[in-house]
Amino acid sequence: MKLGLSVYPEQESTQQIEAYLKTGAEYGFDHVFTSIFSVDGTKEEIVSYFRNLTDMAHRLGYMVDGDVNTWFFEKIGASCSNLSVFKEMGIDILRMDGPYGDERDAILINNPEGIGIEYNTSMIRVVDHAIANGANIKNISTCHNFYPQRYTAPCFDQIRPMNDHFHKLGIPVAMFLNSQVCGTHGPWPVSDGLPTIEEHRNVPVEVQLKHMLAMKTIDLALFGNAFADRAEFEAVKKVMDRAVVSTDSLDENMKEMARSMYAMHGRPLPKEMVRIPFSIHLEDGVSNVEKERLYFGYHADLGDCLNYMIRSRLSRMAGKKETIVPRPCEKKRFERGDVLIVNDNCKHYAGEIQIVLKPMENDGQRNLLGHIDEKEHMIFDLIEAMDFFTFIEA
């Protein structure tokens, strides 16, 4: 997954934009979204402004994605078959806020200037029609909307079919992260954030990002509102550093186990594995042996146990045969989000790490290790067979 941010020239100075881009670049951000049609001036003034902006962004390693529509094309002297003015500006991708809706979309996508064309992810029929008319699928990307007004954003279940559609076609999908910094703005003064889905409006950016990673269909996550602060950039980097693992870095024992597990589902071992780093609030009294199993690093459910729990056999298979001493627990029932380890009262399975999905009776065979932050519980519903996860202490 790539990372991006947004800048709004009509509300920000060049100095502010440059400082923001520099901060993002420090943390691996390489995509910048901006609104071209919101800048006033003559054609020459608009071209000059964005030439300077794109030069600045390119020096810092960014791709520049500009929001436009067909009405703006007329204003700036562009057409579906002539994007030279945007090439002059240095724009890499044009996000079509409004499509043509006919054969001109295919002409636009196949532009000789080599500019990528991005559509709203909801425009399935537009993109499918363009492909049927001969559009080069490799020059297409999509991006969801953001929703400044509280309670107007869709839920994840509403955007899931769109994501799945384009993911199957190999067309990238982008989604907006919502900074929680007070006083942020979008293309106009707003204060309730700019999320793609309503579930993300009030949760920390690291939780939003983990949720997107668990979707497995998002190729670009970008801050919609500005300006995210350095703490949020650091939080995003921390998640990505923990989440993305090269399989070449695995020791031979772990690599062989992972290869075997993927083979069970008819899949080859990928070059990179993505694992969700759940935040756990640890219980008092957890032993070092239990912590070693908990922080083992490569947990996954084979897919056959996703009913009452997410079950990691790997922590049992990879661990040594230390005793997991049963510890007393006052809870009569374990609740959703509790993290457990099977103890020696069930010796054969001792060492397994389990995340509770439904209330379960405490039968003495499991020790309570802690509880996953409640804001992350929505991620559980997206965990499928062979989705790796790990834990970090909250």
Protein backbone atom coordinates (compact mmCIF):
# COMPACT_ATOMS: atom_id res chain seq x y z
CA MET A 1 0.00 0.00 0.00
CA LYS A 2 1.28 3.44 -0.96
CA LEU A 3 0.77 6.57 1.15
CA GLY A 4 -0.34 10.04 0.14
CA LEU A 5 -1.57 13.40 1.34
CA SER A 6 -3.64 16.31 0.03
CA VAL A 7 -2.90 20.00 -0.44
CA TYR A 8 -5.36 22.78 -1.21
CA PRO A 9 -3.75 25.79 -2.95
CA GLU A 10 -6.78 28.02 -2.45
CA GLN A 11 -6.31 27.83 1.33
CA GLU A 12 -2.58 27.25 1.79
CA SER A 13 0.55 29.22 1.05
CA THR A 14 3.35 27.79 -1.07
CA GLN A 15 5.54 27.75 2.04
CA GLN A 16 2.95 25.71 3.97
CA ILE A 17 2.58 23.24 1.11
CA GLU A 18 6.33 22.78 0.76
CA ALA A 19 6.78 22.20 4.49
CA TYR A 20 3.95 19.66 4.49
CA LEU A 21 5.34 17.79 1.48
CA LYS A 22 8.77 17.64 3.12
CA THR A 23 7.27 16.17 6.28
CA GLY A 24 5.35 13.54 4.32
CA ALA A 25 8.43 12.60 2.32
CA GLU A 26 10.31 11.90 5.55
CA TYR A 27 7.74 9.21 6.36
CA GLY A 28 7.57 7.51 2.97
CA PHE A 29 4.62 9.41 1.46
CA ASP A 30 4.94 9.66 -2.32
CA HIS A 31 1.52 10.69 -3.68
CA VAL A 32 -0.05 14.15 -3.45
CA PHE A 33 -3.66 14.97 -4.32
CA THR A 34 -4.67 18.54 -5.15
CA SER A 35 -7.55 20.42 -6.72
CA ILE A 36 -6.67 22.09 -10.02
CA PHE A 37 -10.03 23.64 -10.87
CA SER A 38 -10.29 25.49 -7.55
CA VAL A 39 -7.39 27.82 -8.40
CA ASP A 40 -8.47 31.14 -9.93
CA GLY A 41 -6.59 33.06 -12.60
CA THR A 42 -5.82 33.12 -16.27
CA LYS A 43 -4.71 29.99 -18.09
CA GLU A 44 -1.11 31.20 -17.93
CA GLU A 45 -1.33 31.89 -14.19
CA ILE A 46 -2.86 28.47 -13.46
CA VAL A 47 -0.24 26.67 -15.57
CA SER A 48 2.58 28.61 -13.90
CA TYR A 49 1.25 27.92 -10.40
CA PHE A 50 0.97 24.17 -10.91
CA ARG A 51 4.27 23.94 -12.77
CA ASN A 52 5.95 25.34 -9.67
CA LEU A 53 3.95 23.04 -7.37
CA THR A 54 4.68 19.89 -9.38
CA ASP A 55 8.38 20.76 -9.69
CA MET A 56 8.51 21.04 -5.90
CA ALA A 57 6.60 17.77 -5.42
CA HIS A 58 8.67 15.85 -7.97
CA ARG A 59 11.91 16.94 -6.32
CA LEU A 60 10.61 15.35 -3.12
CA GLY A 61 9.62 12.10 -4.87
CA TYR A 62 5.85 12.62 -5.22
CA MET A 63 3.41 11.71 -7.96
CA VAL A 64 0.94 14.58 -8.44
CA ASP A 65 -2.77 13.79 -8.79
CA GLY A 66 -4.95 16.74 -9.85
CA ASP A 67 -8.72 16.96 -9.47
CA VAL A 68 -10.45 18.25 -12.64
CA ASN A 69 -13.69 17.92 -14.58
CA THR A 70 -14.82 18.26 -18.18
CA TRP A 71 -16.04 21.83 -17.62
CA PHE A 72 -12.56 22.83 -16.48
CA PHE A 73 -11.16 21.24 -19.64
CA GLU A 74 -13.07 23.84 -21.67
CA LYS A 75 -11.79 26.68 -19.47
CA ILE A 76 -8.15 25.62 -19.73
CA GLY A 77 -8.22 24.63 -23.41
CA ALA A 78 -7.93 20.88 -22.98
CA SER A 79 -9.94 18.05 -24.50
CA CYS A 80 -10.17 14.28 -24.29
CA SER A 81 -7.62 14.06 -27.12
CA ASN A 82 -5.34 16.91 -26.01
CA LEU A 83 -3.95 17.00 -22.48
CA SER A 84 -0.85 18.97 -23.38
CA VAL A 85 -1.72 21.79 -20.97
CA PHE A 86 -1.67 19.33 -18.05
CA LYS A 87 1.61 17.89 -19.30
CA GLU A 88 2.94 21.45 -19.26
CA MET A 89 1.80 21.75 -15.64
CA GLY A 90 3.65 18.55 -14.74
CA ILE A 91 0.53 16.64 -13.65
CA ASP A 92 1.01 12.86 -13.43
CA ILE A 93 -2.61 11.80 -12.86
CA LEU A 94 -5.92 13.51 -13.59
CA ARG A 95 -8.78 12.66 -11.26
CA MET A 96 -11.95 13.10 -13.28
CA ASP A 97 -14.47 14.62 -10.90
CA GLY A 98 -16.95 14.29 -13.74
CA PRO A 99 -16.48 11.82 -16.64
CA TYR A 100 -17.62 12.16 -20.22
CA GLY A 101 -19.75 9.06 -19.91
CA ASP A 102 -19.23 7.99 -23.52
CA GLU A 103 -16.50 6.86 -25.92
CA ARG A 104 -14.44 9.95 -25.08
CA ASP A 105 -13.43 8.38 -21.77
CA ALA A 106 -11.49 5.69 -23.65
CA ILE A 107 -9.80 8.37 -25.78
CA LEU A 108 -8.91 10.27 -22.61
CA ILE A 109 -7.44 7.19 -20.92
CA ASN A 110 -5.33 6.39 -24.00
CA ASN A 111 -3.87 9.91 -24.11
CA PRO A 112 -0.47 10.19 -25.85
CA GLU A 113 0.84 12.42 -23.05
CA GLY A 114 0.98 9.36 -20.78
CA ILE A 115 -1.04 11.01 -18.01
CA GLY A 116 -2.85 8.53 -15.75
CA ILE A 117 -6.62 8.87 -15.52
CA GLU A 118 -8.40 8.35 -12.21
CA TYR A 119 -12.14 7.94 -11.69
CA ASN A 120 -14.34 7.91 -8.65
CA THR A 121 -14.48 4.31 -7.41
CA SER A 122 -18.28 4.45 -7.65
CA MET A 123 -18.04 4.89 -11.45
CA ILE A 124 -17.97 1.18 -12.24
CA ARG A 125 -20.10 1.49 -15.38
CA VAL A 126 -18.02 4.38 -16.72
CA VAL A 127 -14.77 2.44 -16.33
CA ASP A 128 -16.20 -0.84 -17.62
CA HIS A 129 -17.60 0.98 -20.67
CA ALA A 130 -14.25 2.66 -21.33
CA ILE A 131 -12.43 -0.69 -21.16
CA ALA A 132 -14.99 -2.18 -23.56
CA ASN A 133 -14.17 0.72 -25.92
CA GLY A 134 -10.48 -0.15 -25.89
CA ALA A 135 -9.14 1.86 -22.95
CA ASN A 136 -5.73 0.81 -21.65
CA ILE A 137 -6.53 -0.68 -18.26
CA LYS A 138 -2.97 -0.02 -17.06
CA ASN A 139 -3.59 3.73 -17.31
CA ILE A 140 -6.67 3.67 -15.05
CA SER A 141 -6.91 4.12 -11.30
CA THR A 142 -9.80 4.90 -8.98
CA CYS A 143 -10.25 6.89 -5.80
CA HIS A 144 -13.13 7.07 -3.36
CA ASN A 145 -14.76 10.32 -2.32
CA PHE A 146 -14.29 12.03 1.01
CA TYR A 147 -17.22 13.35 3.05
CA PRO A 148 -16.77 16.62 4.99
CA GLN A 149 -20.29 16.55 6.43
CA ARG A 150 -20.78 14.33 9.45
CA TYR A 151 -23.03 11.26 8.93
CA THR A 152 -22.96 11.53 5.11
CA ALA A 153 -20.17 9.01 4.44
CA PRO A 154 -21.05 5.43 3.47
CA CYS A 155 -20.20 2.45 5.63
CA PHE A 156 -17.56 -0.08 4.62
CA ASP A 157 -20.14 -2.64 3.48
CA GLN A 158 -21.36 -0.12 0.88
CA ILE A 159 -17.94 0.42 -0.70
CA ARG A 160 -16.75 -3.17 -0.44
CA PRO A 161 -18.31 -4.35 -3.74
CA MET A 162 -16.67 -1.42 -5.58
CA ASN A 163 -13.28 -2.26 -4.10
CA ASP A 164 -13.68 -5.92 -5.00
CA HIS A 165 -14.69 -5.09 -8.58
CA PHE A 166 -11.62 -3.02 -9.34
CA HIS A 167 -9.26 -5.24 -7.36
CA LYS A 168 -10.23 -8.19 -9.55
CA LEU A 169 -9.48 -6.09 -12.64
CA GLY A 170 -6.09 -5.06 -11.26
CA ILE A 171 -7.11 -1.38 -11.17
CA PRO A 172 -5.71 0.47 -8.13
CA VAL A 173 -8.14 1.81 -5.51
CA ALA A 174 -7.40 4.81 -3.27
CA MET A 175 -9.13 5.73 -0.03
CA PHE A 176 -8.87 8.74 2.27
CA LEU A 177 -7.39 8.77 5.76
CA ASN A 178 -8.95 11.26 8.14
CA SER A 179 -6.56 13.31 10.28
CA GLN A 180 -7.82 13.80 13.83
CA VAL A 181 -5.95 17.11 14.26
CA CYS A 182 -8.24 19.97 15.29
CA GLY A 183 -8.65 22.77 12.78
CA THR A 184 -7.90 20.79 9.62
CA HIS A 185 -9.50 21.74 6.32
CA GLY A 186 -10.27 20.38 2.89
CA PRO A 187 -10.95 22.21 -0.37
CA TRP A 188 -13.11 24.53 1.71
CA PRO A 189 -13.17 25.35 5.44
CA VAL A 190 -14.53 22.24 7.20
CA SER A 191 -13.93 20.89 10.67
CA ASP A 192 -15.48 17.41 10.83
CA GLY A 193 -12.79 15.58 8.91
CA LEU A 194 -12.65 14.06 5.42
CA PRO A 195 -13.09 10.28 5.74
CA THR A 196 -14.19 7.92 3.00
CA ILE A 197 -16.32 5.86 5.40
CA GLU A 198 -18.17 7.04 8.47
CA GLU A 199 -16.51 4.40 10.67
CA HIS A 200 -13.24 6.32 10.27
CA ARG A 201 -14.43 9.81 11.20
CA ASN A 202 -13.54 9.68 14.89
CA VAL A 203 -10.88 6.99 15.22
CA PRO A 204 -7.08 7.45 15.22
CA VAL A 205 -5.32 7.32 11.85
CA GLU A 206 -3.41 4.19 12.80
CA VAL A 207 -6.71 2.33 13.34
CA GLN A 208 -8.03 3.59 10.00
CA LEU A 209 -4.86 2.38 8.28
CA LYS A 210 -5.01 -1.06 9.91
CA HIS A 211 -8.63 -1.34 8.77
CA MET A 212 -7.60 -0.46 5.19
CA LEU A 213 -4.79 -3.02 5.26
CA ALA A 214 -7.27 -5.66 6.42
CA MET A 215 -9.54 -4.82 3.46
CA LYS A 216 -6.81 -6.17 1.12
CA THR A 217 -8.20 -4.09 -1.77
CA ILE A 218 -6.77 -0.63 -1.04
CA ASP A 219 -3.63 0.36 -2.93
CA LEU A 220 -3.27 3.96 -1.73
CA ALA A 221 -4.21 5.55 1.60
CA LEU A 222 -3.98 9.33 1.61
CA PHE A 223 -4.77 12.03 4.12
CA GLY A 224 -7.79 13.95 2.85
CA ASN A 225 -7.74 16.84 5.27
CA ALA A 226 -4.76 19.06 5.99
CA PHE A 227 -2.61 19.38 7.86
CA ALA A 228 -1.97 16.05 9.56
CA ASP A 229 0.65 16.51 12.26
CA ARG A 230 4.00 14.79 12.72
CA ALA A 231 2.59 12.47 15.41
CA GLU A 232 0.10 11.10 12.87
CA PHE A 233 2.81 10.62 10.25
CA GLU A 234 4.82 8.73 12.86
CA ALA A 235 1.79 6.61 13.77
CA VAL A 236 1.26 5.70 10.11
CA LYS A 237 4.92 4.79 9.64
CA LYS A 238 4.88 2.65 12.78
CA VAL A 239 1.94 0.65 11.44
CA MET A 240 3.51 0.20 8.01
CA ASP A 241 6.88 -0.80 9.47
CA ARG A 242 5.18 -3.51 11.53
CA ALA A 243 2.69 -4.55 8.86
CA VAL A 244 4.79 -5.15 5.76
CA VAL A 245 7.30 -8.00 5.95
CA SER A 246 9.55 -9.35 3.21
CA THR A 247 9.37 -13.14 3.20
CA ASP A 248 13.10 -13.15 2.43
CA SER A 249 13.64 -11.84 5.97
CA LEU A 250 11.96 -14.87 7.56
CA ASP A 251 14.11 -17.59 9.07
CA GLU A 252 13.96 -20.90 7.21
CA ASN A 253 11.68 -22.57 9.76
CA MET A 254 9.11 -19.76 9.63
CA LYS A 255 9.36 -19.48 5.85
CA GLU A 256 8.65 -23.20 5.47
CA MET A 257 5.64 -23.02 7.80
CA ALA A 258 4.28 -20.02 5.90
CA ARG A 259 4.85 -21.75 2.56
CA SER A 260 2.99 -24.82 3.79
CA MET A 261 0.06 -22.75 5.07
CA TYR A 262 -0.27 -20.86 1.80
CA ALA A 263 -0.08 -24.16 -0.11
CA MET A 264 -3.11 -25.44 1.85
CA HIS A 265 -5.10 -22.68 0.13
CA GLY A 266 -3.53 -23.16 -3.29
CA ARG A 267 -1.44 -20.01 -3.07
CA PRO A 268 2.31 -19.49 -3.47
CA LEU A 269 4.33 -17.76 -0.78
CA PRO A 270 4.25 -14.03 -1.64
CA LYS A 271 7.35 -11.83 -1.71
CA GLU A 272 5.74 -9.62 0.92
CA MET A 273 3.32 -10.50 3.69
CA VAL A 274 1.00 -7.98 5.29
CA ARG A 275 0.16 -8.54 8.94
CA ILE A 276 -2.24 -6.47 11.04
CA PRO A 277 -0.52 -5.10 14.18
CA PHE A 278 -3.31 -5.18 16.80
CA SER A 279 -2.90 -2.92 19.84
CA ILE A 280 -3.27 -4.95 23.05
CA HIS A 281 -3.87 -3.69 26.58
CA LEU A 282 -1.88 -6.27 28.53
CA GLU A 283 -3.15 -7.82 31.77
CA ASP A 284 -1.02 -7.78 34.91
CA GLY A 285 0.87 -10.97 35.69
CA VAL A 286 1.48 -12.18 32.14
CA SER A 287 4.59 -14.38 32.21
CA ASN A 288 7.63 -13.99 29.99
CA VAL A 289 6.83 -17.31 28.31
CA GLU A 290 3.34 -16.05 27.49
CA LYS A 291 4.71 -12.76 26.17
CA GLU A 292 7.13 -14.66 23.95
CA ARG A 293 4.22 -16.53 22.34
CA LEU A 294 2.07 -13.39 22.14
CA TYR A 295 4.75 -11.29 20.45
CA PHE A 296 5.88 -14.18 18.25
CA GLY A 297 5.10 -11.95 15.28
CA TYR A 298 3.39 -14.21 12.74
CA HIS A 299 -0.07 -15.26 13.81
CA ALA A 300 -2.72 -16.47 11.36
CA ASP A 301 -5.93 -18.48 11.32
CA LEU A 302 -6.06 -21.27 8.75
CA GLY A 303 -9.65 -20.26 8.06
CA ASP A 304 -11.42 -23.19 9.67
CA CYS A 305 -11.95 -21.64 13.11
CA LEU A 306 -13.36 -18.17 12.40
CA ASN A 307 -16.45 -18.66 14.51
CA TYR A 308 -15.87 -18.07 18.21
CA MET A 309 -12.27 -17.02 17.75
CA ILE A 310 -9.39 -16.10 15.51
CA ARG A 311 -7.04 -19.00 16.24
CA SER A 312 -3.28 -18.95 15.73
CA ARG A 313 -1.74 -22.40 15.71
CA LEU A 314 1.59 -20.93 14.66
CA SER A 315 2.46 -19.70 18.14
CA ARG A 316 2.13 -23.31 19.34
CA MET A 317 3.95 -24.88 16.41
CA ALA A 318 6.87 -22.43 16.35
CA GLY A 319 7.35 -22.11 20.10
CA LYS A 320 9.38 -24.23 22.44
CA LYS A 321 7.61 -26.67 24.74
CA GLU A 322 7.67 -24.49 27.85
CA THR A 323 4.97 -24.90 30.44
CA ILE A 324 2.06 -22.47 30.14
CA VAL A 325 1.05 -22.32 33.79
CA PRO A 326 -2.70 -21.83 34.31
CA ARG A 327 -3.40 -18.43 35.87
CA PRO A 328 -6.54 -17.55 37.82
CA CYS A 329 -8.99 -15.22 36.10
CA GLU A 330 -12.09 -13.74 37.71
CA LYS A 331 -13.98 -13.47 34.43
CA LYS A 332 -16.59 -16.20 34.02
CA ARG A 333 -16.88 -15.39 30.32
CA PHE A 334 -14.37 -14.06 27.85
CA GLU A 335 -15.67 -11.24 25.64
CA ARG A 336 -15.06 -10.06 22.09
CA GLY A 337 -11.56 -8.64 21.80
CA ASP A 338 -10.05 -10.63 24.69
CA VAL A 339 -6.71 -12.22 23.79
CA LEU A 340 -6.09 -15.67 25.26
CA ILE A 341 -3.37 -18.31 25.38
CA VAL A 342 -4.17 -22.00 25.81
CA ASN A 343 -2.56 -23.24 29.03
CA ASP A 344 -1.37 -26.64 30.23
CA ASN A 345 -4.86 -27.67 31.32
CA CYS A 346 -5.21 -28.43 27.60
CA LYS A 347 -1.61 -29.51 27.09
CA HIS A 348 -1.77 -30.61 23.45
CA TYR A 349 -2.81 -27.12 22.34
CA ALA A 350 -0.86 -25.12 24.92
CA GLY A 351 0.69 -21.99 23.47
CA GLU A 352 -2.00 -21.19 20.92
CA ILE A 353 -2.97 -17.51 20.79
CA GLN A 354 -6.67 -16.84 20.33
CA ILE A 355 -8.70 -13.65 19.84
CA VAL A 356 -12.27 -13.94 21.09
CA LEU A 357 -15.00 -13.07 18.56
CA LYS A 358 -18.06 -14.23 20.53
CA PRO A 359 -18.57 -14.59 24.29
CA MET A 360 -16.93 -17.82 25.52
CA GLU A 361 -17.14 -19.61 28.85
CA ASN A 362 -13.94 -19.47 30.89
CA ASP A 363 -13.36 -23.20 31.37
CA GLY A 364 -9.88 -22.83 32.88
CA GLN A 365 -8.06 -23.98 29.74
CA ARG A 366 -7.04 -20.48 28.67
CA ASN A 367 -5.17 -17.61 30.32
CA LEU A 368 -6.25 -14.03 29.69
CA LEU A 369 -3.39 -12.04 28.16
CA GLY A 370 -5.17 -8.78 27.51
CA HIS A 371 -7.72 -6.99 25.39
CA ILE A 372 -7.48 -5.48 21.91
CA ASP A 373 -8.37 -1.80 21.75
CA GLU A 374 -12.13 -1.57 21.15
CA LYS A 375 -11.69 0.82 18.21
CA GLU A 376 -9.94 -2.02 16.37
CA HIS A 377 -12.72 -4.56 16.80
CA MET A 378 -14.18 -3.66 13.39
CA ILE A 379 -11.04 -5.19 11.85
CA PHE A 380 -11.97 -8.66 13.15
CA ASP A 381 -14.77 -8.95 10.58
CA LEU A 382 -12.23 -8.67 7.74
CA ILE A 383 -9.82 -11.35 8.98
CA GLU A 384 -9.87 -14.36 6.67
CA ALA A 385 -7.81 -17.49 6.17
CA MET A 386 -4.08 -16.74 6.04
CA ASP A 387 -4.42 -13.09 7.07
CA PHE A 388 -1.39 -12.59 9.28
CA PHE A 389 -1.49 -10.46 12.41
CA THR A 390 0.76 -9.52 15.28
CA PHE A 391 0.51 -7.52 18.52
CA ILE A 392 1.94 -4.28 19.85
CA GLU A 393 1.40 -3.11 23.41
CA ALA A 394 -1.02 -0.18 23.63
